[in-house]
Amino acid sequence: PDMIALDPGTVGTVESSDPYLRRERIQDLEEEANRRKENEPKKKEKNKMRGRSKIQKKIGRKQKNVIDEQILKLREAREQERKEEKRAKSPGGKNMNKPKDDAPAALKRFF
C-alpha cells in the first residue's frame, strides 16, 4: 500500500505503563544526578563585603578630627545664620512682617 495504515483498535487509547519500570527509571535518573554532583568540584563562595569596613571607619574618624580653614569658615557662617534667625524671630526683629508681604495672594489668608 502507498498509504500508512493505523490500527483502529490502538488509536485513541492510553498506553498503561508499568509502575515498577517507572519507579526504576526515576531512581536511575536520581542516581545519575547524585553522581554528577559528587564529581563536580565544589565552588568556593566569594566573601562579599556589605556595608562599611572598620578601616573606612578609622579613616573617617581621623579625617573628622582634622580642622581646616574651610571648616572654621563654615562654622562661623553657620553661627551667623543662626544669630540672624534668632533676631528675626524675636519680637523686635526687622523681618517680622516680611512673610506676609512676600507671600502670594493665595497664601496670605493663612497669615
Foldseek 3Di string as FASTA:
>chain_A
DPDDDDDPVPPPDDDDDDPVVVVVVVVVVVVVVVVVVVPDDDDDDDDDDDDDDPVVVVVVVVVVPDDDPVNVVVVVVVVVVVVLVVQCPDPPHPCVCVVLVPDDPVCNVVD
